[in-house]
């Protein structure tokens, strides 16, 4: 299984804190496409190119490989000031 977690406005927009999906996605992009297929709202939220992704607490790219047991987090860019 892959644990997928959502933070900040992503969590609010999707109405989900976390979910688990079967492993078998080659990379972050494949997982993102799968999740976007849930419904139009998920597709809209996950299409935001400013979203950041981390795999096992390290910033990832769309091509980052995934394996069973990984944790993938989707979150908006962090701002400070």
PDB file of N, CA and C in Angstrom:
ATOM      1  N   UNK A   1       0.836  -1.184   0.000  1.00  0.00           N
ATOM      2  CA  UNK A   1       0.000   0.000   0.000  1.00  0.00           C
ATOM      3  C   UNK A   1       0.881   1.247   0.000  1.00  0.00           C
ATOM      4  N   UNK A   2       0.340   2.302  -0.560  1.00  0.00           N
ATOM      5  CA  UNK A   2       0.966   3.620  -0.521  1.00  0.00           C
ATOM      6  C   UNK A   2       0.030   4.530   0.255  1.00  0.00           C
ATOM      7  N   UNK A   3       0.569   5.209   1.246  1.00  0.00           N
ATOM      8  CA  UNK A   3      -0.225   6.163   2.019  1.00  0.00           C
ATOM      9  C   UNK A   3      -0.106   7.521   1.342  1.00  0.00           C
ATOM     10  N   UNK A   4      -1.251   8.154   1.100  1.00  0.00           N
ATOM     11  CA  UNK A   4      -1.283   9.470   0.472  1.00  0.00           C
ATOM     12  C   UNK A   4      -1.883  10.440   1.482  1.00  0.00           C
ATOM     13  N   UNK A   5      -1.175  11.529   1.753  1.00  0.00           N
ATOM     14  CA  UNK A   5      -1.654  12.521   2.715  1.00  0.00           C
ATOM     15  C   UNK A   5      -1.761  13.883   2.035  1.00  0.00           C
ATOM     16  N   UNK A   6      -2.684  14.688   2.545  1.00  0.00           N
ATOM     17  CA  UNK A   6      -2.953  16.005   1.976  1.00  0.00           C
ATOM     18  C   UNK A   6      -2.859  17.047   3.075  1.00  0.00           C
ATOM     19  N   UNK A   7      -2.276  18.200   2.750  1.00  0.00           N
ATOM     20  CA  UNK A   7      -2.087  19.251   3.740  1.00  0.00           C
ATOM     21  C   UNK A   7      -2.690  20.574   3.275  1.00  0.00           C
ATOM     22  N   UNK A   8      -3.016  21.406   4.259  1.00  0.00           N
ATOM     23  CA  UNK A   8      -3.462  22.791   4.056  1.00  0.00           C
ATOM     24  C   UNK A   8      -4.661  22.849   3.108  1.00  0.00           C
ATOM     25  N   UNK A   9      -4.606  23.745   2.129  1.00  0.00           N
ATOM     26  CA  UNK A   9      -5.778  23.940   1.271  1.00  0.00           C
ATOM     27  C   UNK A   9      -6.093  22.711   0.423  1.00  0.00           C
ATOM     28  N   UNK A  10      -5.106  21.894   0.145  1.00  0.00           N
ATOM     29  CA  UNK A  10      -5.363  20.667  -0.617  1.00  0.00           C
ATOM     30  C   UNK A  10      -6.301  19.771   0.185  1.00  0.00           C
ATOM     31  N   UNK A  11      -6.033  19.629   1.462  1.00  0.00           N
ATOM     32  CA  UNK A  11      -6.890  18.845   2.360  1.00  0.00           C
ATOM     33  C   UNK A  11      -8.298  19.433   2.386  1.00  0.00           C
ATOM     34  N   UNK A  12      -8.377  20.743   2.521  1.00  0.00           N
ATOM     35  CA  UNK A  12      -9.685  21.404   2.586  1.00  0.00           C
ATOM     36  C   UNK A  12     -10.469  21.220   1.295  1.00  0.00           C
ATOM     37  N   UNK A  13      -9.818  21.378   0.156  1.00  0.00           N
ATOM     38  CA  UNK A  13     -10.500  21.281  -1.132  1.00  0.00           C
ATOM     39  C   UNK A  13     -10.941  19.857  -1.452  1.00  0.00           C
ATOM     40  N   UNK A  14     -10.163  18.873  -1.030  1.00  0.00           N
ATOM     41  CA  UNK A  14     -10.510  17.478  -1.317  1.00  0.00           C
ATOM     42  C   UNK A  14     -11.392  16.861  -0.244  1.00  0.00           C
ATOM     43  N   UNK A  15     -11.378  17.443   0.949  1.00  0.00           N
ATOM     44  CA  UNK A  15     -12.159  16.881   2.045  1.00  0.00           C
ATOM     45  C   UNK A  15     -11.586  15.578   2.575  1.00  0.00           C
ATOM     46  N   UNK A  16     -10.297  15.383   2.385  1.00  0.00           N
ATOM     47  CA  UNK A  16      -9.609  14.155   2.827  1.00  0.00           C
ATOM     48  C   UNK A  16      -8.316  14.531   3.540  1.00  0.00           C
ATOM     49  N   UNK A  17      -8.032  13.855   4.642  1.00  0.00           N
ATOM     50  CA  UNK A  17      -6.735  14.007   5.312  1.00  0.00           C
ATOM     51  C   UNK A  17      -5.711  13.062   4.702  1.00  0.00           C
ATOM     52  N   UNK A  18      -6.151  11.829   4.483  1.00  0.00           N
ATOM     53  CA  UNK A  18      -5.246  10.789   4.000  1.00  0.00           C
ATOM     54  C   UNK A  18      -6.058   9.640   3.432  1.00  0.00           C
ATOM     55  N   UNK A  19      -5.406   8.845   2.617  1.00  0.00           N
ATOM     56  CA  UNK A  19      -6.010   7.620   2.103  1.00  0.00           C
ATOM     57  C   UNK A  19      -4.890   6.664   1.735  1.00  0.00           C
ATOM     58  N   UNK A  20      -5.238   5.429   1.528  1.00  0.00           N
ATOM     59  CA  UNK A  20      -4.265   4.421   1.109  1.00  0.00           C
ATOM     60  C   UNK A  20      -4.689   3.863  -0.236  1.00  0.00           C
ATOM     61  N   UNK A  21      -3.715   3.637  -1.102  1.00  0.00           N
ATOM     62  CA  UNK A  21      -3.974   3.040  -2.408  1.00  0.00           C
ATOM     63  C   UNK A  21      -3.040   1.852  -2.581  1.00  0.00           C
ATOM     64  N   UNK A  22      -3.457   0.930  -3.404  1.00  0.00           N
ATOM     65  CA  UNK A  22      -2.607  -0.214  -3.703  1.00  0.00           C
ATOM     66  C   UNK A  22      -1.333   0.257  -4.383  1.00  0.00           C
ATOM     67  N   UNK A  23      -0.222  -0.333  -4.050  1.00  0.00           N
ATOM     68  CA  UNK A  23       1.039  -0.030  -4.725  1.00  0.00           C
ATOM     69  C   UNK A  23       0.926  -0.486  -6.176  1.00  0.00           C
ATOM     70  N   UNK A  24       1.833  -0.046  -7.003  1.00  0.00           N
ATOM     71  CA  UNK A  24       1.817  -0.446  -8.401  1.00  0.00           C
ATOM     72  C   UNK A  24       1.911   0.743  -9.346  1.00  0.00           C
ATOM     73  N   UNK A  25       2.010   1.940  -8.785  1.00  0.00           N
ATOM     74  CA  UNK A  25       2.189   3.126  -9.612  1.00  0.00           C
ATOM     75  C   UNK A  25       3.682   3.313  -9.842  1.00  0.00           C
ATOM     76  N   UNK A  26       4.062   3.530 -11.090  1.00  0.00           N
ATOM     77  CA  UNK A  26       5.481   3.657 -11.418  1.00  0.00           C
ATOM     78  C   UNK A  26       6.113   4.874 -10.772  1.00  0.00           C
ATOM     79  N   UNK A  27       5.355   5.974 -10.738  1.00  0.00           N
ATOM     80  CA  UNK A  27       5.937   7.215 -10.233  1.00  0.00           C
ATOM     81  C   UNK A  27       4.848   8.142  -9.701  1.00  0.00           C
ATOM     82  N   UNK A  28       5.285   9.291  -9.201  1.00  0.00           N
ATOM     83  CA  UNK A  28       4.362  10.272  -8.625  1.00  0.00           C
ATOM     84  C   UNK A  28       3.327  10.701  -9.656  1.00  0.00           C
ATOM     85  N   UNK A  29       3.742  10.915 -10.893  1.00  0.00           N
ATOM     86  CA  UNK A  29       2.809  11.358 -11.919  1.00  0.00           C
ATOM     87  C   UNK A  29       1.695  10.341 -12.144  1.00  0.00           C
ATOM     88  N   UNK A  30       2.028   9.067 -12.178  1.00  0.00           N
ATOM     89  CA  UNK A  30       1.008   8.030 -12.370  1.00  0.00           C
ATOM     90  C   UNK A  30       0.019   8.016 -11.210  1.00  0.00           C
ATOM     91  N   UNK A  31       0.509   8.183 -10.000  1.00  0.00           N
ATOM     92  CA  UNK A  31      -0.377   8.245  -8.834  1.00  0.00           C
ATOM     93  C   UNK A  31      -1.277   9.469  -8.918  1.00  0.00           C
ATOM     94  N   UNK A  32      -0.698  10.603  -9.267  1.00  0.00           N
ATOM     95  CA  UNK A  32      -1.474  11.846  -9.377  1.00  0.00           C
ATOM     96  C   UNK A  32      -2.585  11.692 -10.413  1.00  0.00           C
ATOM     97  N   UNK A  33      -2.278  11.098 -11.557  1.00  0.00           N
ATOM     98  CA  UNK A  33      -3.286  10.876 -12.597  1.00  0.00           C
ATOM     99  C   UNK A  33      -4.389   9.950 -12.092  1.00  0.00           C
ATOM    100  N   UNK A  34      -4.017   8.920 -11.370  1.00  0.00           N
ATOM    101  CA  UNK A  34      -5.006   8.002 -10.800  1.00  0.00           C
ATOM    102  C   UNK A  34      -5.939   8.739  -9.846  1.00  0.00           C
ATOM    103  N   UNK A  35      -5.378   9.528  -8.944  1.00  0.00           N
ATOM    104  CA  UNK A  35      -6.193  10.266  -7.975  1.00  0.00           C
ATOM    105  C   UNK A  35      -7.078  11.295  -8.672  1.00  0.00           C
ATOM    106  N   UNK A  36      -6.562  11.944  -9.707  1.00  0.00           N
ATOM    107  CA  UNK A  36      -7.335  12.941 -10.450  1.00  0.00           C
ATOM    108  C   UNK A  36      -8.550  12.312 -11.127  1.00  0.00           C
ATOM    109  N   UNK A  37      -8.492  11.017 -11.368  1.00  0.00           N
ATOM    110  CA  UNK A  37      -9.606  10.315 -11.995  1.00  0.00           C
ATOM    111  C   UNK A  37     -10.775  10.040 -11.065  1.00  0.00           C
ATOM    112  N   UNK A  38     -10.641  10.382  -9.793  1.00  0.00           N
ATOM    113  CA  UNK A  38     -11.727  10.121  -8.836  1.00  0.00           C
ATOM    114  C   UNK A  38     -12.978  10.910  -9.170  1.00  0.00           C
ATOM    115  N   UNK A  39     -12.831  12.200  -9.466  1.00  0.00           N
ATOM    116  CA  UNK A  39     -13.952  13.036  -9.908  1.00  0.00           C
ATOM    117  C   UNK A  39     -13.410  14.382 -10.366  1.00  0.00           C
ATOM    118  N   UNK A  40     -14.306  15.255 -10.835  1.00  0.00           N
ATOM    119  CA  UNK A  40     -13.892  16.542 -11.401  1.00  0.00           C
ATOM    120  C   UNK A  40     -13.185  17.425 -10.376  1.00  0.00           C
ATOM    121  N   UNK A  41     -13.625  17.389  -9.128  1.00  0.00           N
ATOM    122  CA  UNK A  41     -12.984  18.207  -8.107  1.00  0.00           C
ATOM    123  C   UNK A  41     -11.547  17.751  -7.874  1.00  0.00           C
ATOM    124  N   UNK A  42     -11.342  16.453  -7.752  1.00  0.00           N
ATOM    125  CA  UNK A  42      -9.984  15.932  -7.563  1.00  0.00           C
ATOM    126  C   UNK A  42      -9.115  16.305  -8.763  1.00  0.00           C
ATOM    127  N   UNK A  43      -9.664  16.193  -9.962  1.00  0.00           N
ATOM    128  CA  UNK A  43      -8.904  16.544 -11.162  1.00  0.00           C
ATOM    129  C   UNK A  43      -8.503  18.014 -11.126  1.00  0.00           C
ATOM    130  N   UNK A  44      -9.420  18.892 -10.732  1.00  0.00           N
ATOM    131  CA  UNK A  44      -9.141  20.324 -10.677  1.00  0.00           C
ATOM    132  C   UNK A  44      -8.063  20.628  -9.641  1.00  0.00           C
ATOM    133  N   UNK A  45      -8.224  20.090  -8.445  1.00  0.00           N
ATOM    134  CA  UNK A  45      -7.274  20.372  -7.364  1.00  0.00           C
ATOM    135  C   UNK A  45      -5.880  19.850  -7.714  1.00  0.00           C
ATOM    136  N   UNK A  46      -5.799  18.637  -8.218  1.00  0.00           N
ATOM    137  CA  UNK A  46      -4.496  18.032  -8.495  1.00  0.00           C
ATOM    138  C   UNK A  46      -3.855  18.545  -9.781  1.00  0.00           C
ATOM    139  N   UNK A  47      -4.615  19.274 -10.607  1.00  0.00           N
ATOM    140  CA  UNK A  47      -4.053  19.864 -11.824  1.00  0.00           C
ATOM    141  C   UNK A  47      -3.247  21.125 -11.529  1.00  0.00           C
ATOM    142  N   UNK A  48      -3.333  21.627 -10.317  1.00  0.00           N
ATOM    143  CA  UNK A  48      -2.608  22.838  -9.922  1.00  0.00           C
ATOM    144  C   UNK A  48      -1.104  22.563  -9.968  1.00  0.00           C
ATOM    145  N   UNK A  49      -0.432  23.179 -10.929  1.00  0.00           N
ATOM    146  CA  UNK A  49       1.003  22.934 -11.109  1.00  0.00           C
ATOM    147  C   UNK A  49       1.871  23.503  -9.997  1.00  0.00           C
ATOM    148  N   UNK A  50       1.278  24.331  -9.126  1.00  0.00           N
ATOM    149  CA  UNK A  50       2.075  24.869  -8.019  1.00  0.00           C
ATOM    150  C   UNK A  50       2.147  23.906  -6.834  1.00  0.00           C
ATOM    151  N   UNK A  51       1.335  22.837  -6.858  1.00  0.00           N
ATOM    152  CA  UNK A  51       1.366  21.876  -5.754  1.00  0.00           C
ATOM    153  C   UNK A  51       2.738  21.230  -5.649  1.00  0.00           C
ATOM    154  N   UNK A  52       3.156  21.022  -4.432  1.00  0.00           N
ATOM    155  CA  UNK A  52       4.397  20.306  -4.173  1.00  0.00           C
ATOM    156  C   UNK A  52       4.065  18.890  -3.732  1.00  0.00           C
ATOM    157  N   UNK A  53       5.006  18.002  -3.961  1.00  0.00           N
ATOM    158  CA  UNK A  53       4.834  16.601  -3.582  1.00  0.00           C
ATOM    159  C   UNK A  53       6.087  16.152  -2.847  1.00  0.00           C
ATOM    160  N   UNK A  54       5.885  15.385  -1.797  1.00  0.00           N
ATOM    161  CA  UNK A  54       7.007  14.779  -1.082  1.00  0.00           C
ATOM    162  C   UNK A  54       6.775  13.277  -1.007  1.00  0.00           C
ATOM    163  N   UNK A  55       7.837  12.527  -1.137  1.00  0.00           N
ATOM    164  CA  UNK A  55       7.788  11.075  -0.962  1.00  0.00           C
ATOM    165  C   UNK A  55       8.683  10.754   0.227  1.00  0.00           C
ATOM    166  N   UNK A  56       8.081  10.154   1.230  1.00  0.00           N
ATOM    167  CA  UNK A  56       8.814   9.818   2.456  1.00  0.00           C
ATOM    168  C   UNK A  56       9.541  11.039   3.031  1.00  0.00           C
ATOM    169  N   UNK A  57       8.835  12.157   3.058  1.00  0.00           N
ATOM    170  CA  UNK A  57       9.295  13.409   3.671  1.00  0.00           C
ATOM    171  C   UNK A  57      10.412  14.109   2.908  1.00  0.00           C
ATOM    172  N   UNK A  58      10.601  13.765   1.630  1.00  0.00           N
ATOM    173  CA  UNK A  58      11.586  14.448   0.796  1.00  0.00           C
ATOM    174  C   UNK A  58      10.885  14.964  -0.446  1.00  0.00           C
ATOM    175  N   UNK A  59      11.149  16.220  -0.806  1.00  0.00           N
ATOM    176  CA  UNK A  59      10.512  16.814  -1.979  1.00  0.00           C
ATOM    177  C   UNK A  59      10.780  15.935  -3.194  1.00  0.00           C
ATOM    178  N   UNK A  60       9.731  15.717  -3.977  1.00  0.00           N
ATOM    179  CA  UNK A  60       9.805  14.798  -5.108  1.00  0.00           C
ATOM    180  C   UNK A  60       9.422  15.505  -6.405  1.00  0.00           C
ATOM    181  N   UNK A  61       9.746  14.872  -7.510  1.00  0.00           N
ATOM    182  CA  UNK A  61       9.360  15.346  -8.838  1.00  0.00           C
ATOM    183  C   UNK A  61       8.302  14.396  -9.390  1.00  0.00           C
ATOM    184  N   UNK A  62       7.636  14.782 -10.494  1.00  0.00           N
ATOM    185  CA  UNK A  62       6.645  13.874 -11.074  1.00  0.00           C
ATOM    186  C   UNK A  62       7.221  12.501 -11.431  1.00  0.00           C
ATOM    187  N   UNK A  63       8.505  12.452 -11.745  1.00  0.00           N
ATOM    188  CA  UNK A  63       9.130  11.193 -12.132  1.00  0.00           C
ATOM    189  C   UNK A  63       9.704  10.377 -10.990  1.00  0.00           C
ATOM    190  N   UNK A  64       9.534  10.838  -9.753  1.00  0.00           N
ATOM    191  CA  UNK A  64      10.057  10.086  -8.613  1.00  0.00           C
ATOM    192  C   UNK A  64       9.366   8.728  -8.525  1.00  0.00           C
ATOM    193  N   UNK A  65      10.148   7.670  -8.496  1.00  0.00           N
ATOM    194  CA  UNK A  65       9.607   6.308  -8.443  1.00  0.00           C
ATOM    195  C   UNK A  65       8.919   6.050  -7.108  1.00  0.00           C
ATOM    196  N   UNK A  66       7.890   5.218  -7.153  1.00  0.00           N
ATOM    197  CA  UNK A  66       7.155   4.831  -5.949  1.00  0.00           C
ATOM    198  C   UNK A  66       7.263   3.337  -5.732  1.00  0.00           C
ATOM    199  N   UNK A  67       7.192   2.953  -4.454  1.00  0.00           N
ATOM    200  CA  UNK A  67       7.200   1.529  -4.111  1.00  0.00           C
ATOM    201  C   UNK A  67       6.249   1.287  -2.948  1.00  0.00           C
ATOM    202  N   UNK A  68       5.942   0.055  -2.724  1.00  0.00           N
ATOM    203  CA  UNK A  68       5.063  -0.330  -1.624  1.00  0.00           C
ATOM    204  C   UNK A  68       5.620   0.205  -0.309  1.00  0.00           C
ATOM    205  N   UNK A  69       4.756   0.789   0.506  1.00  0.00           N
ATOM    206  CA  UNK A  69       5.160   1.317   1.801  1.00  0.00           C
ATOM    207  C   UNK A  69       5.507   2.792   1.802  1.00  0.00           C
ATOM    208  N   UNK A  70       5.563   3.414   0.626  1.00  0.00           N
ATOM    209  CA  UNK A  70       5.881   4.841   0.561  1.00  0.00           C
ATOM    210  C   UNK A  70       4.743   5.682   1.123  1.00  0.00           C
ATOM    211  N   UNK A  71       5.094   6.889   1.559  1.00  0.00           N
ATOM    212  CA  UNK A  71       4.115   7.901   1.936  1.00  0.00           C
ATOM    213  C   UNK A  71       4.300   9.072   0.988  1.00  0.00           C
ATOM    214  N   UNK A  72       3.212   9.472   0.341  1.00  0.00           N
ATOM    215  CA  UNK A  72       3.242  10.570  -0.618  1.00  0.00           C
ATOM    216  C   UNK A  72       2.377  11.690  -0.070  1.00  0.00           C
ATOM    217  N   UNK A  73       2.935  12.893  -0.017  1.00  0.00           N
ATOM    218  CA  UNK A  73       2.210  14.052   0.502  1.00  0.00           C
ATOM    219  C   UNK A  73       2.045  15.096  -0.593  1.00  0.00           C
ATOM    220  N   UNK A  74       0.831  15.635  -0.691  1.00  0.00           N
ATOM    221  CA  UNK A  74       0.542  16.742  -1.600  1.00  0.00           C
ATOM    222  C   UNK A  74       0.271  17.967  -0.744  1.00  0.00           C
ATOM    223  N   UNK A  75       0.931  19.088  -1.086  1.00  0.00           N
ATOM    224  CA  UNK A  75       0.759  20.296  -0.284  1.00  0.00           C
ATOM    225  C   UNK A  75       1.049  21.529  -1.133  1.00  0.00           C
ATOM    226  N   UNK A  76       0.454  22.670  -0.762  1.00  0.00           N
ATOM    227  CA  UNK A  76       0.709  23.898  -1.509  1.00  0.00           C
ATOM    228  C   UNK A  76       2.086  24.453  -1.164  1.00  0.00           C
ATOM    229  N   UNK A  77       2.589  25.359  -2.002  1.00  0.00           N
ATOM    230  CA  UNK A  77       3.869  25.992  -1.682  1.00  0.00           C
ATOM    231  C   UNK A  77       3.787  26.700  -0.335  1.00  0.00           C
ATOM    232  N   UNK A  78       4.875  26.657   0.378  1.00  0.00           N
ATOM    233  CA  UNK A  78       4.936  27.292   1.688  1.00  0.00           C
ATOM    234  C   UNK A  78       5.407  28.729   1.500  1.00  0.00           C
ATOM    235  N   UNK A  79       4.713  29.642   2.158  1.00  0.00           N
ATOM    236  CA  UNK A  79       5.139  31.039   2.110  1.00  0.00           C
ATOM    237  C   UNK A  79       5.428  31.505   3.523  1.00  0.00           C
ATOM    238  N   UNK A  80       6.221  32.484   3.621  1.00  0.00           N
ATOM    239  CA  UNK A  80       6.556  32.998   4.948  1.00  0.00           C
ATOM    240  C   UNK A  80       6.671  34.508   4.914  1.00  0.00           C
ATOM    241  N   UNK A  81       6.913  35.052   6.061  1.00  0.00           N
ATOM    242  CA  UNK A  81       7.067  36.492   6.030  1.00  0.00           C
ATOM    243  C   UNK A  81       7.026  37.132   7.355  1.00  0.00           C
TER     244      UNK A  81
END
